[in-house]
Amino acid sequence: MPETRPTQPTAGATRAKLAQERSRATAKRIVGAALRLWNERGFEKGFEDTTVDEIAGQAGISRATVYYYFPKKEDILRELAWVTAEQIHELALRSLMSGRPVDQVIDEIMQQLGEMIARSPKAAVRRMLQIRDQAPESIARDSAAGGMTRAFSVVVAHAQEAGELPRAPGAIEIAEVISSIVMGCISKWSIVEDMDLPRTLRARTAIVLAGIEALGDKAG
């Protein structure tokens, strides 16, 4: 039989990939510039008072480019929330490759998620949550919470396949419960003082997993 050579990407596919990478880099630059300006001025005041021209100048791009990527300042916060969800998804995949039990995988995800959120200004987190609550259902479903639900469902489904968790409730249902608890903890952290967010996330999700495992024991 003739030797099969690996398929090489076409020039068009390569150009499309490079364009996508440049687009992501530009969006990231805009988000970084906006956050620097908002935080320098105090988030609440900075968010309201900072102009698109100032964000463009900080990012070193044109005003039109900022509007192309983010028609409203709220869209910058949505992007930031979505990036966080993507990071959680990548962390979930890396953690699964370690072969550790599901409780340890979820525990690590919660620790790192809590640390990421805790580095953000609480005012910024409150505004992001407010934007999410005001968004239409379709947008909210694709927001940070939706992204986290998908990440958690990957971990739960893997645990169910390995026999670590019962197959009922389904992976998506369990992931939605975990995601709801996570968002509730983040919301509370954003308005109270002296709350250890990573520890709280780890403790609450451990309770959920223990309850699900107990359901499996009863069914058995």
Protein backbone atom coordinates (compact mmCIF):
# COMPACT_ATOMS: atom_id res chain seq x y z
CA MET A 1 0.00 0.00 0.00
CA PRO A 2 1.30 3.51 -0.74
CA GLU A 3 2.56 5.42 2.26
CA THR A 4 0.02 7.85 3.68
CA ARG A 5 1.47 11.25 4.40
CA PRO A 6 0.03 13.49 7.09
CA THR A 7 -2.24 16.16 5.71
CA GLN A 8 -0.62 19.58 5.72
CA PRO A 9 -2.72 22.64 6.51
CA THR A 10 -3.63 24.69 3.46
CA ALA A 11 -2.36 28.23 3.02
CA GLY A 12 -5.89 29.48 3.56
CA ALA A 13 -6.24 27.57 6.83
CA THR A 14 -2.89 28.88 8.03
CA ARG A 15 -3.86 32.47 7.21
CA ALA A 16 -7.20 32.03 8.97
CA LYS A 17 -5.46 30.69 12.09
CA LEU A 18 -2.99 33.58 12.13
CA ALA A 19 -5.83 36.09 11.68
CA GLN A 20 -7.72 34.49 14.56
CA GLU A 21 -4.64 34.65 16.80
CA ARG A 22 -4.12 38.33 15.92
CA SER A 23 -7.77 39.03 16.66
CA ARG A 24 -7.55 37.36 20.08
CA ALA A 25 -4.34 39.26 20.83
CA THR A 26 -5.99 42.58 19.95
CA ALA A 27 -9.02 41.83 22.12
CA LYS A 28 -6.72 40.87 24.99
CA ARG A 29 -4.79 44.12 24.58
CA ILE A 30 -7.99 46.17 24.73
CA VAL A 31 -9.18 44.35 27.86
CA GLY A 32 -5.81 44.85 29.54
CA ALA A 33 -5.74 48.56 28.68
CA ALA A 34 -9.28 49.11 29.96
CA LEU A 35 -8.61 47.29 33.23
CA ARG A 36 -5.46 49.32 33.88
CA LEU A 37 -7.32 52.60 33.39
CA TRP A 38 -10.34 51.53 35.42
CA ASN A 39 -8.27 50.26 38.32
CA GLU A 40 -5.98 53.30 38.38
CA ARG A 41 -9.00 55.55 38.89
CA GLY A 42 -10.91 53.29 41.25
CA PHE A 43 -13.05 50.78 39.39
CA GLU A 44 -16.50 52.35 39.82
CA LYS A 45 -15.36 55.85 38.82
CA GLY A 46 -12.93 54.55 36.23
CA PHE A 47 -15.52 52.39 34.52
CA GLU A 48 -17.99 55.26 34.24
CA ASP A 49 -15.55 58.05 33.36
CA THR A 50 -12.95 56.39 31.11
CA THR A 51 -13.56 57.14 27.43
CA VAL A 52 -13.09 54.88 24.43
CA ASP A 53 -10.40 57.27 23.17
CA GLU A 54 -8.45 56.77 26.40
CA ILE A 55 -8.74 52.99 26.14
CA ALA A 56 -7.61 53.12 22.51
CA GLY A 57 -4.65 55.32 23.42
CA GLN A 58 -3.63 53.01 26.26
CA ALA A 59 -3.85 49.98 23.95
CA GLY A 60 -2.05 51.73 21.08
CA ILE A 61 -4.84 51.18 18.58
CA SER A 62 -7.55 53.24 16.90
CA ARG A 63 -10.88 54.22 18.42
CA ALA A 64 -12.64 52.38 15.59
CA THR A 65 -10.80 49.17 16.46
CA VAL A 66 -12.00 49.32 20.06
CA TYR A 67 -15.59 49.79 18.87
CA TYR A 68 -15.19 46.92 16.38
CA TYR A 69 -14.29 44.47 19.14
CA PHE A 70 -16.33 45.95 21.97
CA PRO A 71 -19.27 48.22 21.02
CA LYS A 72 -19.94 48.86 24.74
CA LYS A 73 -17.74 48.92 27.83
CA GLU A 74 -19.90 46.15 29.30
CA ASP A 75 -18.72 43.92 26.46
CA ILE A 76 -15.16 44.22 27.77
CA LEU A 77 -16.28 42.80 31.11
CA ARG A 78 -18.15 39.99 29.34
CA GLU A 79 -14.95 39.14 27.50
CA LEU A 80 -13.02 39.08 30.77
CA ALA A 81 -15.59 36.71 32.29
CA TRP A 82 -15.49 34.45 29.25
CA VAL A 83 -11.68 34.29 29.34
CA THR A 84 -11.91 33.16 32.98
CA ALA A 85 -14.31 30.38 31.96
CA GLU A 86 -11.94 29.29 29.19
CA GLN A 87 -9.08 29.12 31.68
CA ILE A 88 -11.19 26.92 33.96
CA HIS A 89 -11.98 24.61 31.04
CA GLU A 90 -8.28 24.28 30.18
CA LEU A 91 -7.47 23.63 33.84
CA ALA A 92 -10.14 20.92 33.97
CA LEU A 93 -8.65 19.15 30.96
CA ARG A 94 -5.11 19.33 32.40
CA SER A 95 -6.31 18.05 35.77
CA LEU A 96 -8.09 15.09 34.18
CA MET A 97 -4.88 14.07 32.44
CA SER A 98 -3.23 13.68 35.85
CA GLY A 99 -5.43 10.66 36.55
CA ARG A 100 -6.35 11.86 40.03
CA PRO A 101 -9.75 11.16 41.67
CA VAL A 102 -12.59 13.53 40.87
CA ASP A 103 -12.68 15.08 44.35
CA GLN A 104 -9.02 16.10 44.03
CA VAL A 105 -9.56 17.45 40.51
CA ILE A 106 -12.55 19.58 41.58
CA ASP A 107 -10.67 20.72 44.68
CA GLU A 108 -7.76 21.99 42.57
CA ILE A 109 -10.09 23.72 40.11
CA MET A 110 -11.88 25.51 42.96
CA GLN A 111 -8.61 26.58 44.55
CA GLN A 112 -7.31 28.11 41.33
CA LEU A 113 -10.67 29.62 40.36
CA GLY A 114 -10.97 31.22 43.79
CA GLU A 115 -7.47 32.65 43.56
CA MET A 116 -8.13 34.07 40.08
CA ILE A 117 -11.35 35.78 41.15
CA ALA A 118 -9.88 37.03 44.43
CA ARG A 119 -7.20 38.93 42.49
CA SER A 120 -9.92 40.99 40.79
CA PRO A 121 -11.37 44.20 42.26
CA LYS A 122 -14.64 43.37 44.01
CA ALA A 123 -16.34 46.28 42.26
CA ALA A 124 -15.42 44.76 38.89
CA VAL A 125 -16.83 41.39 39.91
CA ARG A 126 -20.06 43.02 41.12
CA ARG A 127 -20.44 44.83 37.81
CA MET A 128 -19.82 41.63 35.85
CA LEU A 129 -22.49 39.82 37.88
CA GLN A 130 -24.90 42.71 37.34
CA ILE A 131 -24.32 42.60 33.59
CA ARG A 132 -24.91 38.85 33.58
CA ASP A 133 -28.18 39.18 35.51
CA GLN A 134 -29.44 41.83 33.08
CA ALA A 135 -28.49 39.89 29.95
CA PRO A 136 -31.03 37.98 27.85
CA GLU A 137 -31.18 34.27 28.63
CA SER A 138 -29.26 33.28 25.48
CA ILE A 139 -26.35 35.59 26.35
CA ALA A 140 -26.33 34.56 30.01
CA ARG A 141 -26.22 30.91 28.96
CA ASP A 142 -23.04 31.57 26.98
CA SER A 143 -21.47 33.67 29.74
CA ALA A 144 -18.90 32.73 32.36
CA ALA A 145 -21.40 30.55 34.24
CA GLY A 146 -22.26 28.66 31.06
CA GLY A 147 -18.58 28.18 30.29
CA MET A 148 -17.91 26.90 33.79
CA THR A 149 -20.85 24.49 33.56
CA ARG A 150 -19.35 22.99 30.42
CA ALA A 151 -15.95 22.68 32.12
CA PHE A 152 -17.41 20.99 35.21
CA SER A 153 -19.52 18.65 33.07
CA VAL A 154 -16.37 17.32 31.40
CA VAL A 155 -14.90 16.42 34.79
CA VAL A 156 -18.14 14.90 36.10
CA ALA A 157 -18.73 12.85 32.93
CA HIS A 158 -15.20 11.47 33.17
CA ALA A 159 -15.77 10.52 36.82
CA GLN A 160 -19.04 8.79 35.92
CA GLU A 161 -17.32 6.80 33.18
CA ALA A 162 -14.64 5.76 35.67
CA GLY A 163 -17.26 4.70 38.22
CA GLU A 164 -16.27 7.39 40.75
CA LEU A 165 -19.71 9.01 40.62
CA PRO A 166 -23.15 7.51 39.93
CA ARG A 167 -24.56 8.02 36.44
CA ALA A 168 -27.64 9.74 37.82
CA PRO A 169 -28.10 12.66 38.08
CA GLY A 170 -26.56 13.39 34.68
CA ALA A 171 -23.25 15.18 34.22
CA ILE A 172 -24.86 18.42 33.03
CA GLU A 173 -27.28 18.49 35.98
CA ILE A 174 -24.46 18.02 38.48
CA ALA A 175 -22.31 20.60 36.68
CA GLU A 176 -25.17 23.13 36.78
CA VAL A 177 -25.50 22.64 40.55
CA ILE A 178 -21.75 23.16 41.02
CA SER A 179 -21.78 26.21 38.74
CA SER A 180 -24.73 27.71 40.62
CA ILE A 181 -22.93 27.26 43.94
CA VAL A 182 -19.76 28.79 42.51
CA MET A 183 -21.58 31.86 41.21
CA GLY A 184 -23.39 32.25 44.54
CA CYS A 185 -20.11 32.14 46.46
CA ILE A 186 -18.51 34.66 44.09
CA SER A 187 -21.51 36.97 44.46
CA LYS A 188 -21.32 36.80 48.26
CA TRP A 189 -17.54 37.34 48.24
CA SER A 190 -17.99 40.50 46.15
CA ILE A 191 -20.09 42.19 48.86
CA VAL A 192 -18.63 40.96 52.17
CA GLU A 193 -15.32 41.39 53.95
CA ASP A 194 -12.92 38.68 55.13
CA MET A 195 -14.29 35.82 53.05
CA ASP A 196 -11.72 33.25 51.93
CA LEU A 197 -13.13 32.54 48.48
CA PRO A 198 -10.90 29.57 47.52
CA ARG A 199 -11.56 27.81 50.84
CA THR A 200 -15.31 28.46 50.59
CA LEU A 201 -15.51 27.14 47.03
CA ARG A 202 -13.60 24.00 47.97
CA ALA A 203 -15.77 23.33 51.03
CA ARG A 204 -19.11 23.87 49.24
CA THR A 205 -18.26 21.71 46.23
CA ALA A 206 -16.92 18.96 48.51
CA ILE A 207 -20.36 18.84 50.14
CA VAL A 208 -22.01 18.49 46.72
CA LEU A 209 -19.71 15.64 45.68
CA ALA A 210 -20.23 13.85 49.00
CA GLY A 211 -24.00 14.10 48.53
CA ILE A 212 -23.83 12.70 45.01
CA GLU A 213 -21.62 9.82 46.14
CA ALA A 214 -24.11 9.08 48.94
CA LEU A 215 -26.92 8.91 46.38
CA GLY A 216 -24.91 6.33 44.49
CA ASP A 217 -24.37 4.27 47.64
CA LYS A 218 -28.12 4.26 48.37
CA ALA A 219 -28.94 3.26 44.80
CA GLY A 220 -26.39 0.45 45.04
